[in-house]
Amino acid sequence: MDTEGPEADTPLERELDLLMRRQGLQVPTAYKAGVLAGYEDLRRMTAHLRQPRDAESEPANVFQLDALLRGR
């Protein structure tokens, strides 16, 4: 990720460079590889979270706060 703009190596790198420029952020060259790796992981996680889910996918430990506080 030593280059920016059209000279960037990968589409993901170009996307991150664009987002960083839009926000006016500059990442030191020494940190760019780590930031890119974190961004790649974040993209993968958000894609996983944006999947349709059934009722079975909901956590089994749902509780009501009122029931826990009853009698106090």
Protein backbone atom coordinates (compact mmCIF):
# COMPACT_ATOMS: atom_id res chain seq x y z
CA MET A 1 0.00 0.00 0.00
CA ASP A 2 2.91 2.29 -0.68
CA THR A 3 1.08 3.87 -3.58
CA GLU A 4 -2.18 5.73 -3.68
CA GLY A 5 -4.82 6.30 -6.29
CA PRO A 6 -4.77 4.45 -9.59
CA GLU A 7 -1.27 3.06 -8.92
CA ALA A 8 -2.46 1.07 -5.87
CA ASP A 9 -1.87 -2.67 -6.12
CA THR A 10 -5.32 -4.17 -5.48
CA PRO A 11 -8.95 -3.07 -5.78
CA LEU A 12 -9.28 -3.32 -1.99
CA GLU A 13 -6.24 -1.10 -1.56
CA ARG A 14 -7.67 1.45 -4.00
CA GLU A 15 -11.00 1.39 -2.14
CA LEU A 16 -9.30 1.99 1.22
CA ASP A 17 -7.17 4.79 -0.24
CA LEU A 18 -10.29 6.45 -1.63
CA LEU A 19 -12.14 6.18 1.69
CA MET A 20 -9.16 7.55 3.60
CA ARG A 21 -8.80 10.48 1.19
CA ARG A 22 -12.53 11.29 1.42
CA GLN A 23 -12.20 11.53 5.20
CA GLY A 24 -8.98 13.53 5.03
CA LEU A 25 -7.01 10.82 6.83
CA GLN A 26 -3.39 9.95 6.22
CA VAL A 27 -1.91 6.67 7.41
CA PRO A 28 1.85 6.55 7.89
CA THR A 29 3.52 4.23 5.38
CA ALA A 30 4.75 1.97 8.20
CA TYR A 31 1.13 1.28 9.25
CA LYS A 32 -0.54 0.97 5.85
CA ALA A 33 -0.12 -2.81 5.52
CA GLY A 34 -1.69 -3.34 8.96
CA VAL A 35 -4.54 -0.94 8.25
CA LEU A 36 -5.22 -2.69 4.95
CA ALA A 37 -5.26 -6.11 6.66
CA GLY A 38 -7.68 -4.78 9.29
CA TYR A 39 -9.90 -3.25 6.62
CA GLU A 40 -9.97 -6.56 4.74
CA ASP A 41 -11.03 -8.39 7.91
CA LEU A 42 -13.67 -5.75 8.63
CA ARG A 43 -15.11 -6.11 5.13
CA ARG A 44 -15.28 -9.89 5.55
CA MET A 45 -17.01 -9.59 8.94
CA THR A 46 -19.59 -7.05 7.77
CA ALA A 47 -20.45 -9.24 4.78
CA HIS A 48 -21.05 -12.12 7.20
CA LEU A 49 -23.22 -9.97 9.48
CA ARG A 50 -25.42 -8.74 6.65
CA GLN A 51 -26.82 -12.20 5.92
CA PRO A 52 -30.50 -13.09 6.40
CA ARG A 53 -31.09 -15.02 9.62
CA ASP A 54 -33.73 -17.39 10.90
CA ALA A 55 -35.13 -17.39 14.43
CA GLU A 56 -32.73 -20.26 15.22
CA SER A 57 -29.83 -17.89 14.63
CA GLU A 58 -30.83 -15.66 17.53
CA PRO A 59 -29.00 -16.07 20.83
CA ALA A 60 -30.48 -18.57 23.26
CA ASN A 61 -29.63 -16.41 26.27
CA VAL A 62 -32.19 -13.66 25.72
CA PHE A 63 -33.58 -12.39 29.01
CA GLN A 64 -35.95 -9.77 30.33
CA LEU A 65 -34.40 -7.22 32.67
CA ASP A 66 -37.73 -6.77 34.53
CA ALA A 67 -37.76 -10.47 35.44
CA LEU A 68 -34.25 -10.25 36.85
CA LEU A 69 -35.00 -7.17 38.91
CA ARG A 70 -38.33 -8.40 40.27
CA GLY A 71 -38.37 -8.56 44.06
CA ARG A 72 -35.53 -6.09 44.64
